Amino acid sequence: MSTYSEIRAAMEAKKPIVCMYQGLRREICAHTIGLKNGAEKVLAFQFAGQSSKGLPPGGEWRCMFIDQISDVHIVEGPWHTRDDHSRPQTCVDDIDLEVYA
C-alpha cells in the first residue's frame, strides 16, 4: 500500500498515524489529503512527537509533503483536532478527501 493510500485509510477510519517526516517521529491525525501544484500533500494535526520548530501544548496544524512521509503506522487511539480547522486551509488545492471532527 502506498503512503498516500495508508494516510487516506487512516482518515476514513478516523485513526491517528505514527510516522516519520523530515527525519522526525510525528503523531498526527490527517484531515485533508490531495494535491497542491501537482504534489501530494496532507494537512494534519500533529498532537505529539518531534518537531523541528517545537510543538506547542495541545498540538499544531502541519502541511506535509506525502513523498517526505515514511514508516506510516495506523494506530488505535482518539482522533485529535482543534476547533480552528474550519478556517480556510491553503495546504491542498485539489482535495481528494477531507475529514471533519
C-alpha atoms as a PDB file:
ATOM      1  CA  MET A   1       0.000   0.000   0.000  1.00  0.00           C
ATOM      2  CA  SER A   2       1.328   3.452  -0.859  1.00  0.00           C
ATOM      3  CA  THR A   3       1.912   6.117   1.781  1.00  0.00           C
ATOM      4  CA  TYR A   4      -0.936   8.121   0.237  1.00  0.00           C
ATOM      5  CA  SER A   5      -3.283   5.114   0.497  1.00  0.00           C
ATOM      6  CA  GLU A   6      -2.278   4.415   4.099  1.00  0.00           C
ATOM      7  CA  ILE A   7      -2.929   8.014   5.143  1.00  0.00           C
ATOM      8  CA  ARG A   8      -6.246   8.007   3.289  1.00  0.00           C
ATOM      9  CA  ALA A   9      -7.278   4.753   5.029  1.00  0.00           C
ATOM     10  CA  ALA A  10      -6.461   6.266   8.432  1.00  0.00           C
ATOM     11  CA  MET A  11      -8.594   9.287   7.562  1.00  0.00           C
ATOM     12  CA  GLU A  12     -11.548   7.114   6.543  1.00  0.00           C
ATOM     13  CA  ALA A  13     -11.296   5.241   9.874  1.00  0.00           C
ATOM     14  CA  LYS A  14     -10.585   8.463  11.846  1.00  0.00           C
ATOM     15  CA  LYS A  15      -7.479   6.911  13.386  1.00  0.00           C
ATOM     16  CA  PRO A  16      -4.153   8.504  14.333  1.00  0.00           C
ATOM     17  CA  ILE A  17      -0.917   7.848  12.478  1.00  0.00           C
ATOM     18  CA  VAL A  18       2.631   7.498  13.751  1.00  0.00           C
ATOM     19  CA  CYS A  19       5.156   8.269  11.016  1.00  0.00           C
ATOM     20  CA  MET A  20       8.493   9.796  10.158  1.00  0.00           C
ATOM     21  CA  TYR A  21       8.579  13.212   8.466  1.00  0.00           C
ATOM     22  CA  GLN A  22      11.779  15.064   7.677  1.00  0.00           C
ATOM     23  CA  GLY A  23      13.687  12.683   9.941  1.00  0.00           C
ATOM     24  CA  LEU A  24      11.449  13.228  12.970  1.00  0.00           C
ATOM     25  CA  ARG A  25       8.850  10.944  14.575  1.00  0.00           C
ATOM     26  CA  ARG A  26       5.378  12.508  14.366  1.00  0.00           C
ATOM     27  CA  GLU A  27       1.995  11.556  15.765  1.00  0.00           C
ATOM     28  CA  ILE A  28      -0.727  13.039  13.584  1.00  0.00           C
ATOM     29  CA  CYS A  29      -4.355  12.913  12.562  1.00  0.00           C
ATOM     30  CA  ALA A  30      -4.739  13.624   8.848  1.00  0.00           C
ATOM     31  CA  HIS A  31      -7.663  15.891   7.943  1.00  0.00           C
ATOM     32  CA  THR A  32      -7.243  16.872   4.273  1.00  0.00           C
ATOM     33  CA  ILE A  33      -5.424  14.965   1.530  1.00  0.00           C
ATOM     34  CA  GLY A  34      -4.928  15.720  -2.142  1.00  0.00           C
ATOM     35  CA  LEU A  35      -2.727  17.795  -4.429  1.00  0.00           C
ATOM     36  CA  LYS A  36      -1.109  21.225  -4.313  1.00  0.00           C
ATOM     37  CA  ASN A  37       0.546  22.301  -7.570  1.00  0.00           C
ATOM     38  CA  GLY A  38       0.680  18.630  -8.602  1.00  0.00           C
ATOM     39  CA  ALA A  39       2.382  17.433  -5.394  1.00  0.00           C
ATOM     40  CA  GLU A  40       0.632  15.043  -2.987  1.00  0.00           C
ATOM     41  CA  LYS A  41       0.106  16.836   0.323  1.00  0.00           C
ATOM     42  CA  VAL A  42      -1.739  16.306   3.571  1.00  0.00           C
ATOM     43  CA  LEU A  43      -2.995  18.763   6.162  1.00  0.00           C
ATOM     44  CA  ALA A  44      -2.626  17.047   9.515  1.00  0.00           C
ATOM     45  CA  PHE A  45      -2.992  17.911  13.160  1.00  0.00           C
ATOM     46  CA  GLN A  46       0.205  16.929  14.980  1.00  0.00           C
ATOM     47  CA  PHE A  47      -0.626  16.167  18.594  1.00  0.00           C
ATOM     48  CA  ALA A  48       2.609  14.509  19.758  1.00  0.00           C
ATOM     49  CA  GLY A  49       6.080  13.521  18.675  1.00  0.00           C
ATOM     50  CA  GLN A  50       9.003  15.585  17.489  1.00  0.00           C
ATOM     51  CA  SER A  51       9.118  18.849  15.571  1.00  0.00           C
ATOM     52  CA  SER A  52      11.985  20.946  14.283  1.00  0.00           C
ATOM     53  CA  LYS A  53      10.071  24.105  15.232  1.00  0.00           C
ATOM     54  CA  GLY A  54       8.756  22.784  18.536  1.00  0.00           C
ATOM     55  CA  LEU A  55       5.258  21.539  19.214  1.00  0.00           C
ATOM     56  CA  PRO A  56       3.060  23.864  21.257  1.00  0.00           C
ATOM     57  CA  PRO A  57       0.956  22.423  24.077  1.00  0.00           C
ATOM     58  CA  GLY A  58      -2.199  20.961  22.586  1.00  0.00           C
ATOM     59  CA  GLY A  59      -0.645  20.391  19.152  1.00  0.00           C
ATOM     60  CA  GLU A  60      -0.369  22.231  15.832  1.00  0.00           C
ATOM     61  CA  TRP A  61      -1.583  22.046  12.219  1.00  0.00           C
ATOM     62  CA  ARG A  62       1.053  20.799   9.764  1.00  0.00           C
ATOM     63  CA  CYS A  63       1.079  20.853   5.962  1.00  0.00           C
ATOM     64  CA  MET A  64       3.193  17.900   4.814  1.00  0.00           C
ATOM     65  CA  PHE A  65       4.541  16.620   1.506  1.00  0.00           C
ATOM     66  CA  ILE A  66       3.488  12.985   1.297  1.00  0.00           C
ATOM     67  CA  ASP A  67       6.692  11.977  -0.511  1.00  0.00           C
ATOM     68  CA  GLN A  68       8.611  13.017   2.640  1.00  0.00           C
ATOM     69  CA  ILE A  69       6.485  10.814   4.948  1.00  0.00           C
ATOM     70  CA  SER A  70       7.705   7.287   5.735  1.00  0.00           C
ATOM     71  CA  ASP A  71       7.165   4.421   8.180  1.00  0.00           C
ATOM     72  CA  VAL A  72       3.412   5.072   8.415  1.00  0.00           C
ATOM     73  CA  HIS A  73       1.588   3.114  11.115  1.00  0.00           C
ATOM     74  CA  ILE A  74      -2.131   3.496  11.732  1.00  0.00           C
ATOM     75  CA  VAL A  75      -2.670   3.192  15.482  1.00  0.00           C
ATOM     76  CA  GLU A  76      -5.549   2.872  17.887  1.00  0.00           C
ATOM     77  CA  GLY A  77      -6.340   5.980  19.849  1.00  0.00           C
ATOM     78  CA  PRO A  78      -8.503   9.063  19.986  1.00  0.00           C
ATOM     79  CA  TRP A  79      -8.944  11.362  16.987  1.00  0.00           C
ATOM     80  CA  HIS A  80      -7.178  14.693  17.524  1.00  0.00           C
ATOM     81  CA  THR A  81      -8.197  18.019  16.048  1.00  0.00           C
ATOM     82  CA  ARG A  82      -8.632  21.629  17.010  1.00  0.00           C
ATOM     83  CA  ASP A  83     -11.605  23.950  16.623  1.00  0.00           C
ATOM     84  CA  ASP A  84      -9.886  26.210  14.083  1.00  0.00           C
ATOM     85  CA  HIS A  85      -9.944  23.541  11.332  1.00  0.00           C
ATOM     86  CA  SER A  86     -12.903  25.415   9.867  1.00  0.00           C
ATOM     87  CA  ARG A  87     -10.559  28.272   8.903  1.00  0.00           C
ATOM     88  CA  PRO A  88      -9.707  28.167   5.200  1.00  0.00           C
ATOM     89  CA  GLN A  89      -6.704  25.970   4.533  1.00  0.00           C
ATOM     90  CA  THR A  90      -4.183  26.586   1.776  1.00  0.00           C
ATOM     91  CA  CYS A  91      -2.249  23.309   2.034  1.00  0.00           C
ATOM     92  CA  VAL A  92      -4.311  21.347  -0.510  1.00  0.00           C
ATOM     93  CA  ASP A  93      -5.948  22.813  -3.630  1.00  0.00           C
ATOM     94  CA  ASP A  94      -7.299  19.654  -5.268  1.00  0.00           C
ATOM     95  CA  ILE A  95      -8.965  17.875  -2.323  1.00  0.00           C
ATOM     96  CA  ASP A  96      -9.362  14.098  -2.554  1.00  0.00           C
ATOM     97  CA  LEU A  97     -10.732  13.581   0.979  1.00  0.00           C
ATOM     98  CA  GLU A  98     -11.439  15.865   3.917  1.00  0.00           C
ATOM     99  CA  VAL A  99     -12.464  14.663   7.358  1.00  0.00           C
ATOM    100  CA  TYR A 100     -14.073  16.880   9.928  1.00  0.00           C
ATOM    101  CA  ALA A 101     -14.190  16.255  13.670  1.00  0.00           C
END
